[in-house]
């Protein structure tokens, strides 16, 4: 029998761990109905949804390969204190894809991170709450960051990351804070666009095994070719072709037409221009494309973390390094197929660096 005196928050914390061992939301809901009164289920679901954003943030850090350690901090109050414990202690390793500067083990940013989420277009918290969490981090000599997920951007990892000091100044954040925030520096995140001057050709077959993707009506993917009007022709096969084909589920296309003969199909397409996606968007959405035998997405943050060390079927996550290797290889063979862009301007970028590393003197050009 469940202890009826538990607060909704403490009850949700314990039940969230049980969610990690279920195979589907349906199984978890059945479990809940057998354990807690119906009138508490909606509130427990609401709290678990918020708590799951902590798992989401940890997984995003893993996908973006931006930290060498991330430790969850238990927030259950064991002693009376005016302080509040943040969610994570993390060691980030800033890098720069533009400067070809990989993460360096001797250059790091150790901090604590408080994760929040909101269903609205504005996030607001009390200065008193920020002060209590900041005091805890300072007890250990560490700065505090806030990572806020705006859930209105459905299906997109819209994270605004700021220092606790900057949040104290205005105690509110909006979606307009995304570009000026520390997102691009912490994750080495940047915009990614595709050159519409190139044509793409995908080959499918109903007569042969493919390389991983199976189209309902066209059959198994065999390979991908990129061409242009100047005679460039670049063939992608195996894993590279499969990875590239996943971009068609993220970037919009136009002018698509299909030729089919005796179970063999060729699909011609162009990518549309001026589509704003960040590297994080693409990596995250690719992870959500991994499906089970029934075609359902296998990605769910709490279950993904619980399943990370499975000896038989560990969690499958897309990693930025895999995508960036493809990007570099395609651009080497098809110049400027991918375009990159900094999130914000140079001045904003310098301000972000100074916010994390105030002790470093940076000469402004």
Protein backbone atom coordinates (compact mmCIF):
# COMPACT_ATOMS: atom_id res chain seq x y z
CA UNK A 1 0.00 0.00 0.00
CA UNK A 2 1.36 3.45 -0.97
CA UNK A 3 2.06 5.83 1.92
CA UNK A 4 -0.80 8.32 1.58
CA UNK A 5 1.08 10.92 3.62
CA UNK A 6 3.78 11.44 0.97
CA UNK A 7 3.71 14.84 -0.73
CA UNK A 8 2.85 14.83 -4.43
CA UNK A 9 6.44 15.85 -5.24
CA UNK A 10 8.07 13.03 -3.26
CA UNK A 11 5.52 10.54 -4.61
CA UNK A 12 6.20 11.64 -8.19
CA UNK A 13 9.97 11.35 -7.68
CA UNK A 14 9.67 7.71 -6.63
CA UNK A 15 7.13 6.84 -9.31
CA UNK A 16 9.27 8.41 -12.03
CA UNK A 17 11.94 5.81 -11.32
CA UNK A 18 9.32 3.11 -11.84
CA UNK A 19 8.48 4.69 -15.19
CA UNK A 20 12.03 3.88 -16.24
CA UNK A 21 11.42 0.14 -15.86
CA UNK A 22 8.17 0.07 -17.85
CA UNK A 23 8.23 -0.49 -21.59
CA UNK A 24 5.51 2.03 -22.55
CA UNK A 25 3.38 4.88 -21.25
CA UNK A 26 0.40 2.55 -21.31
CA UNK A 27 2.14 0.11 -18.97
CA UNK A 28 3.13 2.97 -16.67
CA UNK A 29 -0.42 4.34 -16.54
CA UNK A 30 -1.77 0.88 -15.68
CA UNK A 31 0.79 0.67 -12.87
CA UNK A 32 -0.22 4.09 -11.53
CA UNK A 33 -3.91 3.22 -11.44
CA UNK A 34 -3.12 0.21 -9.32
CA UNK A 35 -0.97 2.17 -6.87
CA UNK A 36 -2.42 5.63 -6.23
CA UNK A 37 -5.91 7.18 -6.03
CA UNK A 38 -7.33 8.47 -9.30
CA UNK A 39 -7.55 12.02 -7.98
CA UNK A 40 -3.75 12.19 -7.59
CA UNK A 41 -2.81 10.78 -11.00
CA UNK A 42 -3.06 14.02 -13.03
CA UNK A 43 -0.92 15.97 -10.55
CA UNK A 44 1.67 13.18 -10.37
CA UNK A 45 1.84 13.12 -14.19
CA UNK A 46 2.35 16.89 -14.23
CA UNK A 47 5.22 16.71 -11.76
CA UNK A 48 6.82 13.75 -13.54
CA UNK A 49 6.70 15.67 -16.80
CA UNK A 50 8.70 18.45 -15.17
CA UNK A 51 11.12 16.03 -13.54
CA UNK A 52 11.62 14.29 -16.89
CA UNK A 53 13.12 17.51 -18.26
CA UNK A 54 16.08 16.86 -15.97
CA UNK A 55 16.59 13.53 -17.76
CA UNK A 56 16.12 15.32 -21.09
CA UNK A 57 18.81 17.87 -20.28
CA UNK A 58 21.27 15.17 -19.22
CA UNK A 59 20.65 13.27 -22.46
CA UNK A 60 21.07 16.43 -24.55
CA UNK A 61 24.45 16.97 -22.88
CA UNK A 62 25.35 13.40 -23.83
CA UNK A 63 24.18 13.83 -27.44
CA UNK A 64 26.12 17.08 -27.79
CA UNK A 65 29.24 15.57 -26.16
CA UNK A 66 29.82 18.78 -24.24
CA UNK A 67 30.74 17.53 -20.76
CA UNK A 68 33.03 15.02 -19.08
CA UNK A 69 30.87 14.52 -16.00
CA UNK A 70 27.26 15.04 -15.01
CA UNK A 71 26.04 14.03 -11.56
CA UNK A 72 22.46 14.22 -10.38
CA UNK A 73 22.06 15.81 -6.93
CA UNK A 74 19.42 14.44 -4.56
CA UNK A 75 17.04 17.24 -3.62
CA UNK A 76 15.16 15.43 -0.86
CA UNK A 77 15.54 17.68 2.24
CA UNK A 78 17.40 15.63 4.86
CA UNK A 79 18.31 18.59 7.10
CA UNK A 80 16.63 21.92 7.61
CA UNK A 81 18.33 24.57 5.52
CA UNK A 82 17.69 27.93 3.93
CA UNK A 83 19.51 26.66 0.86
CA UNK A 84 18.07 24.59 -2.01
CA UNK A 85 19.98 21.96 -3.94
CA UNK A 86 20.23 22.38 -7.73
CA UNK A 87 19.64 19.41 -10.04
CA UNK A 88 23.13 18.66 -11.37
CA UNK A 89 26.82 19.15 -10.86
CA UNK A 90 28.49 19.23 -14.28
CA UNK A 91 31.89 19.70 -15.87
CA UNK A 92 31.46 21.27 -19.29
CA UNK A 93 34.24 21.41 -21.88
CA UNK A 94 33.64 24.30 -24.32
CA UNK A 95 34.58 23.66 -27.93
CA UNK A 96 34.24 25.42 -31.29
CA UNK A 97 33.27 23.67 -34.50
CA UNK A 98 33.93 26.88 -36.45
CA UNK A 99 37.50 27.18 -35.15
CA UNK A 100 38.05 23.42 -35.35
CA UNK A 101 38.75 23.49 -31.62
CA UNK A 102 37.70 20.20 -30.02
CA UNK A 103 36.87 19.89 -26.30
CA UNK A 104 40.08 20.01 -24.26
CA UNK A 105 40.43 18.14 -20.99
CA UNK A 106 42.40 20.99 -19.39
CA UNK A 107 39.88 23.69 -20.32
CA UNK A 108 36.61 23.22 -18.49
CA UNK A 109 33.76 24.93 -16.69
CA UNK A 110 32.61 23.31 -13.46
CA UNK A 111 29.20 24.39 -12.24
CA UNK A 112 25.84 23.37 -10.86
CA UNK A 113 22.73 23.46 -13.03
CA UNK A 114 19.09 23.94 -12.09
CA UNK A 115 16.70 22.60 -14.74
CA UNK A 116 13.28 24.15 -15.25
CA UNK A 117 10.55 23.93 -17.88
CA UNK A 118 7.48 25.91 -18.82
CA UNK A 119 4.41 25.42 -21.01
CA UNK A 120 4.22 29.18 -21.52
CA UNK A 121 6.20 31.65 -23.62
CA UNK A 122 7.59 33.22 -20.47
CA UNK A 123 9.41 31.62 -17.55
CA UNK A 124 9.35 33.38 -14.20
CA UNK A 125 10.77 32.37 -10.84
CA UNK A 126 11.30 34.13 -7.52
CA UNK A 127 14.56 35.85 -6.70
CA UNK A 128 14.41 34.21 -3.28
CA UNK A 129 14.41 30.74 -4.86
CA UNK A 130 17.33 31.65 -7.13
CA UNK A 131 19.23 32.99 -4.12
CA UNK A 132 18.75 29.78 -2.15
CA UNK A 133 20.06 27.58 -4.96
CA UNK A 134 22.90 29.98 -5.69
CA UNK A 135 23.90 29.87 -2.00
CA UNK A 136 24.11 26.07 -2.14
CA UNK A 137 26.35 26.16 -5.22
CA UNK A 138 28.56 28.79 -3.62
CA UNK A 139 28.98 26.56 -0.56
CA UNK A 140 30.97 24.28 -2.88
CA UNK A 141 32.70 27.13 -4.67
CA UNK A 142 30.77 26.63 -7.92
CA UNK A 143 28.72 28.97 -10.11
CA UNK A 144 25.09 28.15 -10.89
CA UNK A 145 23.41 27.98 -14.29
CA UNK A 146 19.70 27.75 -15.08
CA UNK A 147 18.61 25.62 -18.05
CA UNK A 148 15.00 26.34 -19.00
CA UNK A 149 13.10 24.24 -21.55
CA UNK A 150 10.29 26.02 -23.41
CA UNK A 151 7.84 23.23 -24.14
CA UNK A 152 5.76 25.33 -26.56
CA UNK A 153 8.45 24.52 -29.14
CA UNK A 154 7.06 21.00 -29.46
CA UNK A 155 9.50 18.39 -30.68
CA UNK A 156 12.43 20.83 -30.49
CA UNK A 157 14.97 21.02 -27.63
CA UNK A 158 14.43 24.74 -27.02
CA UNK A 159 16.76 25.34 -24.08
CA UNK A 160 17.57 28.81 -22.76
CA UNK A 161 20.65 28.65 -20.53
CA UNK A 162 21.69 31.58 -18.33
CA UNK A 163 23.77 32.25 -15.25
CA UNK A 164 21.93 32.56 -11.95
CA UNK A 165 23.36 36.07 -11.63
CA UNK A 166 21.75 37.20 -14.89
CA UNK A 167 18.44 35.57 -13.96
CA UNK A 168 18.52 37.38 -10.61
CA UNK A 169 18.56 40.69 -12.47
CA UNK A 170 15.18 40.17 -14.14
CA UNK A 171 13.88 36.83 -12.72
CA UNK A 172 12.15 36.10 -16.04
CA UNK A 173 13.05 34.59 -19.42
CA UNK A 174 11.23 34.48 -22.75
CA UNK A 175 11.77 32.66 -26.03
CA UNK A 176 13.58 35.77 -27.26
CA UNK A 177 16.39 34.96 -24.83
CA UNK A 178 17.30 31.83 -26.82
CA UNK A 179 19.96 33.35 -29.10
CA UNK A 180 21.61 35.62 -26.49
CA UNK A 181 21.65 32.76 -23.96
CA UNK A 182 24.56 30.43 -23.23
CA UNK A 183 22.99 27.63 -25.30
CA UNK A 184 25.39 28.09 -28.21
CA UNK A 185 28.47 28.26 -25.97
CA UNK A 186 27.62 25.41 -23.61
CA UNK A 187 26.55 23.05 -26.41
CA UNK A 188 28.76 24.55 -29.16
CA UNK A 189 25.47 24.90 -30.98
CA UNK A 190 25.10 26.61 -34.36
CA UNK A 191 22.61 26.93 -37.21
CA UNK A 192 22.73 24.37 -40.01
CA UNK A 193 21.29 25.00 -43.49
CA UNK A 194 21.29 23.00 -46.73
CA UNK A 195 22.17 24.42 -50.14
CA UNK A 196 19.13 24.16 -52.43
CA UNK A 197 21.34 24.35 -55.55
CA UNK A 198 22.08 20.64 -55.17
CA UNK A 199 19.76 17.80 -56.17
CA UNK A 200 19.42 14.62 -54.13
CA UNK A 201 18.57 11.20 -55.46
CA UNK A 202 17.46 8.33 -53.22
CA UNK A 203 17.24 4.76 -54.50
CA UNK A 204 14.78 2.22 -53.06
CA UNK A 205 14.06 -1.41 -53.87
CA UNK A 206 11.34 -3.91 -53.04
CA UNK A 207 13.55 -6.70 -54.36
CA UNK A 208 16.66 -6.31 -52.19
CA UNK A 209 17.63 -5.82 -48.58
CA UNK A 210 18.62 -2.27 -47.78
CA UNK A 211 20.77 -0.32 -45.36
CA UNK A 212 18.28 0.31 -42.57
CA UNK A 213 15.48 2.57 -43.79
CA UNK A 214 12.35 0.93 -45.20
CA UNK A 215 9.75 3.07 -46.98
CA UNK A 216 6.18 1.74 -46.75
CA UNK A 217 5.50 1.90 -50.47
CA UNK A 218 8.97 2.10 -52.06
CA UNK A 219 10.87 -0.59 -50.18
CA UNK A 220 14.38 -0.60 -48.69
CA UNK A 221 16.82 2.29 -49.11
CA UNK A 222 19.81 1.32 -51.26
CA UNK A 223 21.82 4.55 -51.42
CA UNK A 224 21.82 8.31 -51.93
CA UNK A 225 23.45 10.50 -54.59
CA UNK A 226 24.05 14.25 -54.46
CA UNK A 227 24.39 16.12 -57.78
CA UNK A 228 24.49 19.65 -59.13
CA UNK A 229 24.32 21.40 -62.50
CA UNK A 230 28.12 21.64 -62.71
CA UNK A 231 28.65 17.89 -62.89
CA UNK A 232 29.32 17.08 -59.24
CA UNK A 233 28.08 13.61 -58.34
CA UNK A 234 28.72 12.14 -54.91
CA UNK A 235 27.43 8.72 -53.87
CA UNK A 236 26.68 7.89 -50.25
CA UNK A 237 26.23 4.30 -49.22
CA UNK A 238 25.71 2.23 -46.10
CA UNK A 239 25.69 4.22 -42.83
CA UNK A 240 26.38 7.58 -44.48
CA UNK A 241 23.43 7.15 -46.83
CA UNK A 242 21.17 6.10 -43.97
CA UNK A 243 22.25 9.06 -41.86
CA UNK A 244 21.81 11.47 -44.76
CA UNK A 245 18.36 10.11 -45.56
CA UNK A 246 17.24 10.99 -42.02
CA UNK A 247 17.67 14.66 -42.94
CA UNK A 248 14.61 14.33 -45.17
CA UNK A 249 12.55 13.97 -42.01
CA UNK A 250 13.93 17.25 -40.67
CA UNK A 251 14.52 19.63 -43.60
CA UNK A 252 11.62 20.39 -45.93
CA UNK A 253 11.97 19.51 -49.61
CA UNK A 254 10.34 20.62 -52.85
CA UNK A 255 10.13 19.41 -56.43
CA UNK A 256 10.11 15.78 -55.38
CA UNK A 257 9.16 13.24 -58.03
CA UNK A 258 9.44 9.46 -58.15
CA UNK A 259 10.26 7.04 -60.95
CA UNK A 260 9.29 3.40 -60.33
CA UNK A 261 9.90 0.31 -62.48
CA UNK A 262 9.60 -3.35 -61.46
CA UNK A 263 9.95 -2.66 -57.74
CA UNK A 264 12.91 -0.27 -58.12
CA UNK A 265 12.28 3.42 -57.31
CA UNK A 266 14.29 6.58 -57.70
CA UNK A 267 13.28 9.68 -55.73
CA UNK A 268 14.50 13.11 -56.88
CA UNK A 269 14.33 16.06 -54.47
CA UNK A 270 15.64 19.51 -53.61
CA UNK A 271 15.92 20.86 -50.09
CA UNK A 272 14.02 24.08 -49.48
CA UNK A 273 16.00 27.19 -48.59
CA UNK A 274 16.03 29.35 -45.47
CA UNK A 275 15.15 26.66 -42.98
CA UNK A 276 16.43 27.42 -39.50
CA UNK A 277 17.62 24.35 -37.66
CA UNK A 278 20.43 24.19 -35.16
CA UNK A 279 22.86 21.32 -34.81
CA UNK A 280 21.13 20.42 -31.55
CA UNK A 281 17.72 20.38 -33.29
CA UNK A 282 19.02 17.95 -35.91
CA UNK A 283 20.81 15.64 -33.47
CA UNK A 284 17.79 15.57 -31.16
CA UNK A 285 15.25 14.95 -33.91
CA UNK A 286 17.39 12.19 -35.40
CA UNK A 287 17.43 10.48 -32.00
CA UNK A 288 13.62 10.65 -31.98
CA UNK A 289 13.54 8.86 -35.35
CA UNK A 290 14.86 5.59 -33.94
CA UNK A 291 11.88 3.22 -33.81
CA UNK A 292 10.91 -0.24 -32.61
CA UNK A 293 9.58 -3.07 -34.77
CA UNK A 294 6.12 -1.45 -34.75
CA UNK A 295 7.46 1.88 -35.97
CA UNK A 296 7.08 3.70 -32.63
CA UNK A 297 9.80 6.06 -31.39
CA UNK A 298 11.91 4.33 -28.75
CA UNK A 299 13.12 7.61 -27.27
CA UNK A 300 11.66 8.64 -23.92
CA UNK A 301 14.06 10.44 -21.55
CA UNK A 302 13.42 8.55 -18.31
CA UNK A 303 13.46 5.14 -19.98
CA UNK A 304 16.48 6.11 -22.08
CA UNK A 305 18.54 6.84 -18.97
CA UNK A 306 17.34 3.70 -17.18
CA UNK A 307 18.34 1.66 -20.23
CA UNK A 308 21.79 3.23 -20.82
CA UNK A 309 23.75 0.27 -19.41
CA UNK A 310 21.53 -2.50 -20.77
CA UNK A 311 23.72 -5.50 -21.68
CA UNK A 312 21.39 -6.54 -24.50
CA UNK A 313 19.83 -3.39 -26.00
CA UNK A 314 21.35 -0.14 -24.66
CA UNK A 315 19.81 3.22 -25.43
CA UNK A 316 20.53 4.46 -28.94
CA UNK A 317 21.37 8.16 -29.13
CA UNK A 318 22.59 10.24 -32.05
CA UNK A 319 25.93 11.92 -31.26
CA UNK A 320 27.04 15.24 -32.69
CA UNK A 321 30.41 13.82 -33.74
CA UNK A 322 28.68 11.30 -36.03
CA UNK A 323 26.63 13.99 -37.75
CA UNK A 324 29.56 16.40 -38.00
CA UNK A 325 31.73 13.73 -39.66
CA UNK A 326 29.00 13.37 -42.30
CA UNK A 327 28.75 17.15 -42.70
CA UNK A 328 32.50 17.49 -43.26
CA UNK A 329 32.65 14.57 -45.69
CA UNK A 330 29.72 15.83 -47.77
CA UNK A 331 31.12 19.37 -47.90
CA UNK A 332 34.50 18.02 -48.97
CA UNK A 333 32.88 16.35 -51.99
CA UNK A 334 30.06 18.86 -52.55
CA UNK A 335 31.37 22.34 -51.65
CA UNK A 336 28.97 24.37 -49.49
CA UNK A 337 26.29 21.72 -49.41
CA UNK A 338 25.92 22.55 -45.70
CA UNK A 339 26.04 26.15 -44.49
CA UNK A 340 26.77 27.05 -40.85
CA UNK A 341 25.93 30.12 -38.84
CA UNK A 342 26.73 31.48 -35.41
CA UNK A 343 23.78 31.95 -33.05
CA UNK A 344 24.02 35.67 -32.37
CA UNK A 345 26.78 38.04 -33.36
CA UNK A 346 30.44 38.27 -32.37
CA UNK A 347 29.72 40.77 -29.59
CA UNK A 348 27.11 38.48 -28.06
CA UNK A 349 29.52 35.55 -28.28
CA UNK A 350 32.20 37.50 -26.39
CA UNK A 351 29.66 38.43 -23.72
CA UNK A 352 28.81 34.74 -23.29
CA UNK A 353 32.48 33.80 -22.89
CA UNK A 354 32.95 36.57 -20.31
CA UNK A 355 29.86 35.40 -18.40
CA UNK A 356 31.42 31.94 -17.93
CA UNK A 357 35.07 32.95 -17.73
CA UNK A 358 35.24 36.48 -16.23
CA UNK A 359 38.89 35.93 -15.31
CA UNK A 360 39.92 35.63 -18.98
CA UNK A 361 40.86 38.85 -20.73
CA UNK A 362 39.58 38.88 -24.30
CA UNK A 363 40.67 41.52 -26.75
CA UNK A 364 37.69 42.82 -28.71
CA UNK A 365 38.39 43.50 -32.38
